[in-house]
């Protein structure tokens, strides 16, 4: 079974440092700007299965070797599991998934009061691990507690820590994903969690982008501790795509002859602590554009630092995005 690297490369980014996330295509509704332009008019299970499999085909062909899903991403684990079963030679892929949210939208995009319900309990872990195993089997390499905040019981529940440590003993790298303006606090709290003197968590997936870079120092600490560090939402839920980007980003991209999305993802991949940067592409065209990021000169990215927003403001904006 392939294993996630303990430390990130120090060379320039390559396609192998990028991953494919399935949040945007594993379910019909999500909070990404422009989904009406990206997805099939009829977002049936069959249509999104086909779209997901096409993206996985294109990503693998381009050298991407990390695929990311979650229990709450509708049928994303199912779609990834089907693709893996149909491609047995793709045994060099790392597969990550997440537990802790239950998908409740029943394949609807509107009229749904809550799309997912969060609970970081032993009971939910037991249930969702069994569900994940049923779909991904032994291909599960990385399993994360989904969207940990500083008040999550995932940071304090010794019974849950015992379960997670037991999973790690079976060869799965255990970690957490983070969200919200206190990501750094959650990461640092997780670094201190141990069972029998050994760290429970050795992987993290956090939001980092040129608008919201506040978790960077804590992610650097996690990387230094040997954690596998994955960047999510490098495109800020579509806010950094060409069609939605602010004039300042457009000008910077035009100045170096790049697309806004490639520039944004190149900035994430240039962070020395980043092992993998996720593309959340919903079309193969978007994926191809995202994967031009490795060709960009990291020395030309410094000006992007001026785009950062206060973390609280960034997360308020994100919370206001519509599920569509």
C-alpha atoms as a PDB file:
ATOM      1  CA  UNK A   1       0.000   0.000   0.000  1.00  0.00           C
ATOM      2  CA  UNK A   2       1.430   3.439  -0.832  1.00  0.00           C
ATOM      3  CA  UNK A   3       2.101   5.670   2.142  1.00  0.00           C
ATOM      4  CA  UNK A   4       1.811   9.423   2.459  1.00  0.00           C
ATOM      5  CA  UNK A   5       5.172  11.168   2.687  1.00  0.00           C
ATOM      6  CA  UNK A   6       6.157  12.423   6.101  1.00  0.00           C
ATOM      7  CA  UNK A   7       7.647  15.624   4.737  1.00  0.00           C
ATOM      8  CA  UNK A   8       7.020  17.694   1.647  1.00  0.00           C
ATOM      9  CA  UNK A   9       9.398  18.128  -1.242  1.00  0.00           C
ATOM     10  CA  UNK A  10      11.597  21.220  -1.411  1.00  0.00           C
ATOM     11  CA  UNK A  11      11.743  21.325  -5.195  1.00  0.00           C
ATOM     12  CA  UNK A  12       9.423  23.248  -7.482  1.00  0.00           C
ATOM     13  CA  UNK A  13       5.829  21.994  -7.640  1.00  0.00           C
ATOM     14  CA  UNK A  14       4.981  19.160 -10.004  1.00  0.00           C
ATOM     15  CA  UNK A  15       1.646  17.515 -10.940  1.00  0.00           C
ATOM     16  CA  UNK A  16       2.395  14.864  -8.326  1.00  0.00           C
ATOM     17  CA  UNK A  17       2.058  17.497  -5.618  1.00  0.00           C
ATOM     18  CA  UNK A  18      -1.529  18.175  -6.651  1.00  0.00           C
ATOM     19  CA  UNK A  19      -4.598  16.188  -5.695  1.00  0.00           C
ATOM     20  CA  UNK A  20      -8.168  15.987  -6.919  1.00  0.00           C
ATOM     21  CA  UNK A  21     -10.949  16.770  -4.475  1.00  0.00           C
ATOM     22  CA  UNK A  22     -14.484  15.546  -5.134  1.00  0.00           C
ATOM     23  CA  UNK A  23     -16.594  17.922  -3.038  1.00  0.00           C
ATOM     24  CA  UNK A  24     -17.888  19.710  -6.139  1.00  0.00           C
ATOM     25  CA  UNK A  25     -18.861  16.603  -8.129  1.00  0.00           C
ATOM     26  CA  UNK A  26     -19.837  13.980  -5.554  1.00  0.00           C
ATOM     27  CA  UNK A  27     -23.184  15.631  -4.813  1.00  0.00           C
ATOM     28  CA  UNK A  28     -25.481  17.968  -6.733  1.00  0.00           C
ATOM     29  CA  UNK A  29     -25.311  20.913  -4.302  1.00  0.00           C
ATOM     30  CA  UNK A  30     -22.263  22.706  -2.933  1.00  0.00           C
ATOM     31  CA  UNK A  31     -21.166  26.234  -2.045  1.00  0.00           C
ATOM     32  CA  UNK A  32     -18.943  26.995  -5.033  1.00  0.00           C
ATOM     33  CA  UNK A  33     -19.562  30.010  -7.223  1.00  0.00           C
ATOM     34  CA  UNK A  34     -20.650  29.246 -10.793  1.00  0.00           C
ATOM     35  CA  UNK A  35     -21.812  25.655 -10.369  1.00  0.00           C
ATOM     36  CA  UNK A  36     -24.643  26.285 -12.829  1.00  0.00           C
ATOM     37  CA  UNK A  37     -21.970  26.829 -15.486  1.00  0.00           C
ATOM     38  CA  UNK A  38     -19.856  23.843 -14.504  1.00  0.00           C
ATOM     39  CA  UNK A  39     -22.202  20.897 -13.999  1.00  0.00           C
ATOM     40  CA  UNK A  40     -24.630  19.073 -16.301  1.00  0.00           C
ATOM     41  CA  UNK A  41     -28.096  20.610 -16.552  1.00  0.00           C
ATOM     42  CA  UNK A  42     -29.497  17.429 -15.013  1.00  0.00           C
ATOM     43  CA  UNK A  43     -27.371  16.602 -11.995  1.00  0.00           C
ATOM     44  CA  UNK A  44     -28.406  12.982 -11.769  1.00  0.00           C
ATOM     45  CA  UNK A  45     -26.362  10.350  -9.986  1.00  0.00           C
ATOM     46  CA  UNK A  46     -25.402   8.912 -13.360  1.00  0.00           C
ATOM     47  CA  UNK A  47     -24.334  12.312 -14.710  1.00  0.00           C
ATOM     48  CA  UNK A  48     -22.139  13.127 -11.717  1.00  0.00           C
ATOM     49  CA  UNK A  49     -20.692   9.616 -11.669  1.00  0.00           C
ATOM     50  CA  UNK A  50     -19.651  10.087 -15.288  1.00  0.00           C
ATOM     51  CA  UNK A  51     -18.254  13.542 -14.537  1.00  0.00           C
ATOM     52  CA  UNK A  52     -16.278  12.281 -11.540  1.00  0.00           C
ATOM     53  CA  UNK A  53     -14.858   9.312 -13.413  1.00  0.00           C
ATOM     54  CA  UNK A  54     -13.836  11.586 -16.286  1.00  0.00           C
ATOM     55  CA  UNK A  55     -12.018  13.900 -13.887  1.00  0.00           C
ATOM     56  CA  UNK A  56     -10.264  10.972 -12.212  1.00  0.00           C
ATOM     57  CA  UNK A  57      -9.183   9.684 -15.636  1.00  0.00           C
ATOM     58  CA  UNK A  58      -7.786  13.089 -16.605  1.00  0.00           C
ATOM     59  CA  UNK A  59      -6.119  13.666 -13.243  1.00  0.00           C
ATOM     60  CA  UNK A  60      -4.394  10.289 -13.228  1.00  0.00           C
ATOM     61  CA  UNK A  61      -3.219  10.732 -16.811  1.00  0.00           C
ATOM     62  CA  UNK A  62      -1.726  14.111 -15.832  1.00  0.00           C
ATOM     63  CA  UNK A  63       0.244  12.636 -12.940  1.00  0.00           C
ATOM     64  CA  UNK A  64      -2.076  13.416 -10.030  1.00  0.00           C
ATOM     65  CA  UNK A  65      -1.795  10.713  -7.373  1.00  0.00           C
ATOM     66  CA  UNK A  66      -3.945  11.919  -4.467  1.00  0.00           C
ATOM     67  CA  UNK A  67      -7.738  11.626  -4.557  1.00  0.00           C
ATOM     68  CA  UNK A  68      -9.861  13.135  -1.792  1.00  0.00           C
ATOM     69  CA  UNK A  69     -13.434  12.402  -0.713  1.00  0.00           C
ATOM     70  CA  UNK A  70     -15.622  12.490   2.417  1.00  0.00           C
ATOM     71  CA  UNK A  71     -18.674  10.787   3.844  1.00  0.00           C
ATOM     72  CA  UNK A  72     -20.600  14.045   3.446  1.00  0.00           C
ATOM     73  CA  UNK A  73     -19.709  14.508  -0.233  1.00  0.00           C
ATOM     74  CA  UNK A  74     -22.835  12.696  -1.366  1.00  0.00           C
ATOM     75  CA  UNK A  75     -21.666   9.661  -3.350  1.00  0.00           C
ATOM     76  CA  UNK A  76     -18.058  10.744  -3.807  1.00  0.00           C
ATOM     77  CA  UNK A  77     -16.583   7.724  -2.016  1.00  0.00           C
ATOM     78  CA  UNK A  78     -18.743   5.456  -4.138  1.00  0.00           C
ATOM     79  CA  UNK A  79     -17.589   7.146  -7.357  1.00  0.00           C
ATOM     80  CA  UNK A  80     -13.912   7.005  -6.350  1.00  0.00           C
ATOM     81  CA  UNK A  81     -14.233   3.399  -5.240  1.00  0.00           C
ATOM     82  CA  UNK A  82     -15.790   2.430  -8.570  1.00  0.00           C
ATOM     83  CA  UNK A  83     -12.967   4.133 -10.462  1.00  0.00           C
ATOM     84  CA  UNK A  84     -10.322   2.377  -8.389  1.00  0.00           C
ATOM     85  CA  UNK A  85     -11.985  -0.998  -8.948  1.00  0.00           C
ATOM     86  CA  UNK A  86     -12.007  -0.364 -12.693  1.00  0.00           C
ATOM     87  CA  UNK A  87      -8.319   0.670 -12.662  1.00  0.00           C
ATOM     88  CA  UNK A  88      -6.460  -1.979 -10.642  1.00  0.00           C
ATOM     89  CA  UNK A  89      -3.151  -0.890 -12.134  1.00  0.00           C
ATOM     90  CA  UNK A  90      -3.546   2.509 -10.432  1.00  0.00           C
ATOM     91  CA  UNK A  91      -2.030   1.132  -7.258  1.00  0.00           C
ATOM     92  CA  UNK A  92       0.152   4.215  -6.776  1.00  0.00           C
ATOM     93  CA  UNK A  93      -2.799   6.442  -5.847  1.00  0.00           C
ATOM     94  CA  UNK A  94      -3.211   7.712  -2.300  1.00  0.00           C
ATOM     95  CA  UNK A  95      -6.858   7.914  -1.243  1.00  0.00           C
ATOM     96  CA  UNK A  96      -8.014  10.203   1.534  1.00  0.00           C
ATOM     97  CA  UNK A  97     -11.464  10.562   3.009  1.00  0.00           C
ATOM     98  CA  UNK A  98     -13.120  12.229   5.962  1.00  0.00           C
ATOM     99  CA  UNK A  99     -15.691  11.332   8.593  1.00  0.00           C
ATOM    100  CA  UNK A 100     -17.713  13.437  11.028  1.00  0.00           C
ATOM    101  CA  UNK A 101     -20.371  14.960   8.773  1.00  0.00           C
ATOM    102  CA  UNK A 102     -23.438  13.049   7.629  1.00  0.00           C
ATOM    103  CA  UNK A 103     -24.879  13.999   4.230  1.00  0.00           C
ATOM    104  CA  UNK A 104     -28.573  14.855   4.683  1.00  0.00           C
ATOM    105  CA  UNK A 105     -29.620  16.580   1.438  1.00  0.00           C
ATOM    106  CA  UNK A 106     -30.883  13.387  -0.243  1.00  0.00           C
ATOM    107  CA  UNK A 107     -29.512  14.488  -3.628  1.00  0.00           C
ATOM    108  CA  UNK A 108     -31.390  17.793  -3.544  1.00  0.00           C
ATOM    109  CA  UNK A 109     -30.001  21.263  -4.246  1.00  0.00           C
ATOM    110  CA  UNK A 110     -32.818  23.466  -2.960  1.00  0.00           C
ATOM    111  CA  UNK A 111     -35.428  23.390  -0.242  1.00  0.00           C
ATOM    112  CA  UNK A 112     -32.981  21.598   2.052  1.00  0.00           C
ATOM    113  CA  UNK A 113     -32.635  23.228   5.480  1.00  0.00           C
ATOM    114  CA  UNK A 114     -29.357  21.413   6.253  1.00  0.00           C
ATOM    115  CA  UNK A 115     -27.102  19.687   3.723  1.00  0.00           C
ATOM    116  CA  UNK A 116     -24.863  17.960   6.278  1.00  0.00           C
ATOM    117  CA  UNK A 117     -24.850  17.348  10.022  1.00  0.00           C
ATOM    118  CA  UNK A 118     -21.634  17.438  12.036  1.00  0.00           C
ATOM    119  CA  UNK A 119     -20.884  15.077  14.937  1.00  0.00           C
ATOM    120  CA  UNK A 120     -17.449  13.953  16.099  1.00  0.00           C
ATOM    121  CA  UNK A 121     -18.483  11.060  18.330  1.00  0.00           C
ATOM    122  CA  UNK A 122     -17.287   7.477  18.698  1.00  0.00           C
ATOM    123  CA  UNK A 123     -20.639   6.241  17.404  1.00  0.00           C
ATOM    124  CA  UNK A 124     -20.384   8.302  14.228  1.00  0.00           C
ATOM    125  CA  UNK A 125     -16.759   7.249  13.709  1.00  0.00           C
ATOM    126  CA  UNK A 126     -17.665   3.573  14.012  1.00  0.00           C
ATOM    127  CA  UNK A 127     -20.594   3.901  11.610  1.00  0.00           C
ATOM    128  CA  UNK A 128     -18.844   6.017   9.037  1.00  0.00           C
ATOM    129  CA  UNK A 129     -15.607   4.042   9.032  1.00  0.00           C
ATOM    130  CA  UNK A 130     -17.657   0.936   8.204  1.00  0.00           C
ATOM    131  CA  UNK A 131     -19.419   2.870   5.417  1.00  0.00           C
ATOM    132  CA  UNK A 132     -16.124   4.155   4.040  1.00  0.00           C
ATOM    133  CA  UNK A 133     -14.554   0.696   4.153  1.00  0.00           C
ATOM    134  CA  UNK A 134     -17.537  -0.738   2.288  1.00  0.00           C
ATOM    135  CA  UNK A 135     -16.843   1.676  -0.583  1.00  0.00           C
ATOM    136  CA  UNK A 136     -13.055   2.089  -0.540  1.00  0.00           C
ATOM    137  CA  UNK A 137     -11.942  -1.110   1.151  1.00  0.00           C
ATOM    138  CA  UNK A 138      -8.227  -1.341   1.798  1.00  0.00           C
ATOM    139  CA  UNK A 139      -7.533   1.563  -0.582  1.00  0.00           C
ATOM    140  CA  UNK A 140      -8.176   4.026   2.248  1.00  0.00           C
ATOM    141  CA  UNK A 141      -4.795   5.590   3.068  1.00  0.00           C
ATOM    142  CA  UNK A 142      -5.687   8.769   4.972  1.00  0.00           C
ATOM    143  CA  UNK A 143      -8.770   9.245   7.194  1.00  0.00           C
ATOM    144  CA  UNK A 144      -9.517  12.675   8.634  1.00  0.00           C
ATOM    145  CA  UNK A 145     -11.918  14.000  11.226  1.00  0.00           C
ATOM    146  CA  UNK A 146     -13.912  16.439   9.123  1.00  0.00           C
ATOM    147  CA  UNK A 147     -13.815  20.155   9.941  1.00  0.00           C
ATOM    148  CA  UNK A 148     -12.309  20.189  13.411  1.00  0.00           C
ATOM    149  CA  UNK A 149     -12.594  23.453  15.337  1.00  0.00           C
ATOM    150  CA  UNK A 150     -11.042  24.149  18.755  1.00  0.00           C
ATOM    151  CA  UNK A 151     -14.232  23.121  20.568  1.00  0.00           C
ATOM    152  CA  UNK A 152     -14.484  19.720  18.830  1.00  0.00           C
ATOM    153  CA  UNK A 153     -14.590  16.618  21.057  1.00  0.00           C
ATOM    154  CA  UNK A 154     -12.185  15.092  18.560  1.00  0.00           C
ATOM    155  CA  UNK A 155      -9.489  16.995  20.433  1.00  0.00           C
ATOM    156  CA  UNK A 156     -10.498  15.869  23.926  1.00  0.00           C
ATOM    157  CA  UNK A 157     -12.373  12.518  23.818  1.00  0.00           C
ATOM    158  CA  UNK A 158     -10.018   9.737  25.006  1.00  0.00           C
ATOM    159  CA  UNK A 159     -12.355   6.989  23.792  1.00  0.00           C
ATOM    160  CA  UNK A 160     -12.310   8.448  20.289  1.00  0.00           C
ATOM    161  CA  UNK A 161      -8.541   8.862  20.474  1.00  0.00           C
ATOM    162  CA  UNK A 162      -8.264   5.165  21.239  1.00  0.00           C
ATOM    163  CA  UNK A 163     -10.337   4.299  18.166  1.00  0.00           C
ATOM    164  CA  UNK A 164      -8.224   6.583  15.967  1.00  0.00           C
ATOM    165  CA  UNK A 165      -4.979   5.154  17.333  1.00  0.00           C
ATOM    166  CA  UNK A 166      -6.214   1.631  16.595  1.00  0.00           C
ATOM    167  CA  UNK A 167      -6.977   2.625  13.001  1.00  0.00           C
ATOM    168  CA  UNK A 168      -3.496   4.100  12.682  1.00  0.00           C
ATOM    169  CA  UNK A 169      -2.051   0.813  13.951  1.00  0.00           C
ATOM    170  CA  UNK A 170      -3.782  -0.871  11.006  1.00  0.00           C
ATOM    171  CA  UNK A 171      -1.844   1.281   8.531  1.00  0.00           C
ATOM    172  CA  UNK A 172      -4.184   4.206   7.898  1.00  0.00           C
ATOM    173  CA  UNK A 173      -2.774   7.673   8.468  1.00  0.00           C
ATOM    174  CA  UNK A 174      -5.177   9.457  10.844  1.00  0.00           C
ATOM    175  CA  UNK A 175      -5.670  13.201  10.852  1.00  0.00           C
ATOM    176  CA  UNK A 176      -8.101  16.082  10.796  1.00  0.00           C
ATOM    177  CA  UNK A 177      -9.380  18.719   8.455  1.00  0.00           C
ATOM    178  CA  UNK A 178      -9.939  22.252   9.711  1.00  0.00           C
ATOM    179  CA  UNK A 179     -12.233  25.149   8.905  1.00  0.00           C
ATOM    180  CA  UNK A 180     -12.982  28.580  10.310  1.00  0.00           C
ATOM    181  CA  UNK A 181     -10.918  31.500  11.555  1.00  0.00           C
ATOM    182  CA  UNK A 182      -9.349  29.440  14.390  1.00  0.00           C
ATOM    183  CA  UNK A 183      -7.742  26.778  12.180  1.00  0.00           C
ATOM    184  CA  UNK A 184      -4.315  27.427  13.683  1.00  0.00           C
ATOM    185  CA  UNK A 185      -5.624  26.875  17.211  1.00  0.00           C
ATOM    186  CA  UNK A 186      -7.200  23.556  16.216  1.00  0.00           C
ATOM    187  CA  UNK A 187      -4.012  22.354  14.506  1.00  0.00           C
ATOM    188  CA  UNK A 188      -1.854  23.207  17.499  1.00  0.00           C
ATOM    189  CA  UNK A 189      -4.268  21.495  19.881  1.00  0.00           C
ATOM    190  CA  UNK A 190      -4.193  18.380  17.688  1.00  0.00           C
ATOM    191  CA  UNK A 191      -0.397  18.337  17.717  1.00  0.00           C
ATOM    192  CA  UNK A 192      -0.554  17.760  21.480  1.00  0.00           C
ATOM    193  CA  UNK A 193      -2.982  14.795  21.398  1.00  0.00           C
ATOM    194  CA  UNK A 194      -1.339  11.482  22.255  1.00  0.00           C
ATOM    195  CA  UNK A 195      -2.241   7.909  23.172  1.00  0.00           C
ATOM    196  CA  UNK A 196       0.347   5.920  25.124  1.00  0.00           C
ATOM    197  CA  UNK A 197       2.890   8.601  24.384  1.00  0.00           C
ATOM    198  CA  UNK A 198       2.381   8.503  20.622  1.00  0.00           C
ATOM    199  CA  UNK A 199       0.718  11.235  18.538  1.00  0.00           C
ATOM    200  CA  UNK A 200      -2.817  10.380  17.412  1.00  0.00           C
ATOM    201  CA  UNK A 201      -2.892  12.763  14.451  1.00  0.00           C
ATOM    202  CA  UNK A 202      -0.268  12.750  11.709  1.00  0.00           C
ATOM    203  CA  UNK A 203      -2.148  14.412   8.837  1.00  0.00           C
ATOM    204  CA  UNK A 204      -4.064  17.635   8.314  1.00  0.00           C
ATOM    205  CA  UNK A 205      -6.121  19.165   5.518  1.00  0.00           C
ATOM    206  CA  UNK A 206      -6.663  22.890   5.946  1.00  0.00           C
ATOM    207  CA  UNK A 207      -7.962  25.848   4.022  1.00  0.00           C
ATOM    208  CA  UNK A 208      -5.109  28.003   2.766  1.00  0.00           C
ATOM    209  CA  UNK A 209      -5.361  30.441  -0.095  1.00  0.00           C
ATOM    210  CA  UNK A 210      -4.151  33.904  -0.969  1.00  0.00           C
ATOM    211  CA  UNK A 211      -7.264  35.402   0.638  1.00  0.00           C
ATOM    212  CA  UNK A 212      -7.009  33.301   3.833  1.00  0.00           C
ATOM    213  CA  UNK A 213      -3.391  32.370   4.690  1.00  0.00           C
ATOM    214  CA  UNK A 214      -3.743  32.539   8.496  1.00  0.00           C
ATOM    215  CA  UNK A 215      -3.184  28.803   9.103  1.00  0.00           C
ATOM    216  CA  UNK A 216       0.216  28.871   7.412  1.00  0.00           C
ATOM    217  CA  UNK A 217       2.462  29.071  10.507  1.00  0.00           C
ATOM    218  CA  UNK A 218       0.575  26.256  12.281  1.00  0.00           C
ATOM    219  CA  UNK A 219       0.729  24.121   9.137  1.00  0.00           C
ATOM    220  CA  UNK A 220       4.466  24.718   9.108  1.00  0.00           C
ATOM    221  CA  UNK A 221       4.625  23.366  12.670  1.00  0.00           C
ATOM    222  CA  UNK A 222       2.600  20.305  11.653  1.00  0.00           C
ATOM    223  CA  UNK A 223       4.900  19.687   8.705  1.00  0.00           C
ATOM    224  CA  UNK A 224       7.957  19.982  10.949  1.00  0.00           C
ATOM    225  CA  UNK A 225       6.386  17.345  13.218  1.00  0.00           C
ATOM    226  CA  UNK A 226       6.222  14.925  10.269  1.00  0.00           C
ATOM    227  CA  UNK A 227       2.568  15.423   9.412  1.00  0.00           C
ATOM    228  CA  UNK A 228       1.187  14.959   5.900  1.00  0.00           C
ATOM    229  CA  UNK A 229      -0.176  18.415   4.983  1.00  0.00           C
ATOM    230  CA  UNK A 230      -2.901  18.878   2.358  1.00  0.00           C
ATOM    231  CA  UNK A 231      -4.233  22.260   1.236  1.00  0.00           C
ATOM    232  CA  UNK A 232      -7.947  22.523   0.486  1.00  0.00           C
ATOM    233  CA  UNK A 233      -9.987  25.406  -0.908  1.00  0.00           C
ATOM    234  CA  UNK A 234      -6.996  26.909  -2.648  1.00  0.00           C
ATOM    235  CA  UNK A 235      -9.511  28.521  -4.998  1.00  0.00           C
ATOM    236  CA  UNK A 236     -11.600  29.973  -2.131  1.00  0.00           C
ATOM    237  CA  UNK A 237     -14.788  28.230  -3.313  1.00  0.00           C
ATOM    238  CA  UNK A 238     -14.503  29.813  -6.732  1.00  0.00           C
ATOM    239  CA  UNK A 239     -13.659  33.337  -5.600  1.00  0.00           C
ATOM    240  CA  UNK A 240     -10.214  33.022  -7.212  1.00  0.00           C
ATOM    241  CA  UNK A 241     -11.419  31.628 -10.542  1.00  0.00           C
ATOM    242  CA  UNK A 242     -10.936  33.858 -13.573  1.00  0.00           C
ATOM    243  CA  UNK A 243     -14.639  34.669 -13.848  1.00  0.00           C
ATOM    244  CA  UNK A 244     -14.946  35.742 -10.194  1.00  0.00           C
ATOM    245  CA  UNK A 245     -11.492  37.055  -9.306  1.00  0.00           C
ATOM    246  CA  UNK A 246     -10.941  40.576  -8.050  1.00  0.00           C
ATOM    247  CA  UNK A 247      -9.259  43.058 -10.381  1.00  0.00           C
ATOM    248  CA  UNK A 248      -5.999  42.895  -8.406  1.00  0.00           C
ATOM    249  CA  UNK A 249      -5.642  39.159  -8.999  1.00  0.00           C
ATOM    250  CA  UNK A 250      -6.626  39.513 -12.633  1.00  0.00           C
ATOM    251  CA  UNK A 251      -3.929  42.120 -13.123  1.00  0.00           C
ATOM    252  CA  UNK A 252      -1.276  39.980 -11.479  1.00  0.00           C
ATOM    253  CA  UNK A 253      -2.263  36.972 -13.582  1.00  0.00           C
ATOM    254  CA  UNK A 254      -2.253  38.983 -16.779  1.00  0.00           C
ATOM    255  CA  UNK A 255       1.185  40.329 -15.930  1.00  0.00           C
ATOM    256  CA  UNK A 256       2.737  36.868 -16.005  1.00  0.00           C
ATOM    257  CA  UNK A 257       0.479  35.356 -18.650  1.00  0.00           C
ATOM    258  CA  UNK A 258      -1.280  32.918 -16.327  1.00  0.00           C
ATOM    259  CA  UNK A 259      -4.843  32.093 -15.412  1.00  0.00           C
ATOM    260  CA  UNK A 260      -6.090  33.277 -12.021  1.00  0.00           C
ATOM    261  CA  UNK A 261      -6.762  29.722 -10.864  1.00  0.00           C
ATOM    262  CA  UNK A 262      -3.262  28.526 -11.747  1.00  0.00           C
ATOM    263  CA  UNK A 263      -1.739  31.516  -9.990  1.00  0.00           C
ATOM    264  CA  UNK A 264      -3.785  30.853  -6.854  1.00  0.00           C
ATOM    265  CA  UNK A 265      -2.865  27.164  -6.742  1.00  0.00           C
ATOM    266  CA  UNK A 266       0.785  27.890  -7.500  1.00  0.00           C
ATOM    267  CA  UNK A 267       0.846  30.158  -4.452  1.00  0.00           C
ATOM    268  CA  UNK A 268      -0.436  27.297  -2.299  1.00  0.00           C
ATOM    269  CA  UNK A 269       2.021  24.796  -3.769  1.00  0.00           C
ATOM    270  CA  UNK A 270       4.895  27.193  -3.149  1.00  0.00           C
ATOM    271  CA  UNK A 271       4.394  26.942   0.608  1.00  0.00           C
ATOM    272  CA  UNK A 272       7.290  24.833   1.931  1.00  0.00           C
ATOM    273  CA  UNK A 273       5.015  22.877   4.273  1.00  0.00           C
ATOM    274  CA  UNK A 274       2.460  21.833   1.610  1.00  0.00           C
ATOM    275  CA  UNK A 275       2.683  18.175   0.569  1.00  0.00           C
ATOM    276  CA  UNK A 276      -0.430  18.181  -1.648  1.00  0.00           C
ATOM    277  CA  UNK A 277      -2.656  20.963  -2.966  1.00  0.00           C
ATOM    278  CA  UNK A 278      -6.166  19.939  -3.960  1.00  0.00           C
ATOM    279  CA  UNK A 279      -7.854  20.935  -7.178  1.00  0.00           C
ATOM    280  CA  UNK A 280     -11.592  21.122  -6.746  1.00  0.00           C
ATOM    281  CA  UNK A 281     -12.196  21.183 -10.500  1.00  0.00           C
ATOM    282  CA  UNK A 282     -15.673  20.343 -11.735  1.00  0.00           C
ATOM    283  CA  UNK A 283     -14.673  20.066 -15.414  1.00  0.00           C
ATOM    284  CA  UNK A 284     -11.679  18.599 -17.189  1.00  0.00           C
ATOM    285  CA  UNK A 285     -11.002  22.048 -18.659  1.00  0.00           C
ATOM    286  CA  UNK A 286     -10.745  23.512 -15.164  1.00  0.00           C
ATOM    287  CA  UNK A 287      -8.463  20.672 -14.115  1.00  0.00           C
ATOM    288  CA  UNK A 288      -6.171  21.248 -17.080  1.00  0.00           C
ATOM    289  CA  UNK A 289      -5.966  24.943 -16.213  1.00  0.00           C
ATOM    290  CA  UNK A 290      -5.316  24.164 -12.531  1.00  0.00           C
ATOM    291  CA  UNK A 291      -2.474  21.847 -13.483  1.00  0.00           C
ATOM    292  CA  UNK A 292      -0.603  24.583 -15.327  1.00  0.00           C
ATOM    293  CA  UNK A 293       0.299  25.875 -11.850  1.00  0.00           C
ATOM    294  CA  UNK A 294       3.589  23.894 -11.641  1.00  0.00           C
ATOM    295  CA  UNK A 295       4.932  25.763 -14.651  1.00  0.00           C
ATOM    296  CA  UNK A 296       4.716  29.148 -12.913  1.00  0.00           C
ATOM    297  CA  UNK A 297       7.816  30.736 -11.441  1.00  0.00           C
ATOM    298  CA  UNK A 298       7.453  30.758  -7.622  1.00  0.00           C
ATOM    299  CA  UNK A 299       9.572  33.910  -7.450  1.00  0.00           C
ATOM    300  CA  UNK A 300       6.761  35.837  -9.142  1.00  0.00           C
ATOM    301  CA  UNK A 301       4.157  35.056  -6.504  1.00  0.00           C
ATOM    302  CA  UNK A 302       5.213  37.467  -3.766  1.00  0.00           C
ATOM    303  CA  UNK A 303       2.723  40.155  -4.803  1.00  0.00           C
ATOM    304  CA  UNK A 304      -0.175  37.811  -3.976  1.00  0.00           C
ATOM    305  CA  UNK A 305       0.455  38.383  -0.259  1.00  0.00           C
ATOM    306  CA  UNK A 306      -1.307  41.722  -0.598  1.00  0.00           C
ATOM    307  CA  UNK A 307      -4.632  40.005  -1.343  1.00  0.00           C
ATOM    308  CA  UNK A 308      -5.063  38.511   2.138  1.00  0.00           C
ATOM    309  CA  UNK A 309      -8.219  39.314   4.095  1.00  0.00           C
ATOM    310  CA  UNK A 310      -8.773  39.217   7.860  1.00  0.00           C
ATOM    311  CA  UNK A 311      -9.648  35.617   8.702  1.00  0.00           C
ATOM    312  CA  UNK A 312     -12.941  36.501  10.376  1.00  0.00           C
ATOM    313  CA  UNK A 313     -14.063  38.460   7.316  1.00  0.00           C
ATOM    314  CA  UNK A 314     -13.059  35.668   4.947  1.00  0.00           C
ATOM    315  CA  UNK A 315     -15.047  33.045   6.844  1.00  0.00           C
ATOM    316  CA  UNK A 316     -18.111  35.302   7.096  1.00  0.00           C
ATOM    317  CA  UNK A 317     -18.055  35.635   3.319  1.00  0.00           C
ATOM    318  CA  UNK A 318     -17.674  31.906   2.864  1.00  0.00           C
ATOM    319  CA  UNK A 319     -20.590  31.167   5.219  1.00  0.00           C
ATOM    320  CA  UNK A 320     -22.808  33.435   3.127  1.00  0.00           C
ATOM    321  CA  UNK A 321     -22.159  31.556  -0.127  1.00  0.00           C
ATOM    322  CA  UNK A 322     -25.281  29.747  -1.367  1.00  0.00           C
ATOM    323  CA  UNK A 323     -25.537  25.993  -1.719  1.00  0.00           C
ATOM    324  CA  UNK A 324     -26.463  25.590  -5.357  1.00  0.00           C
END
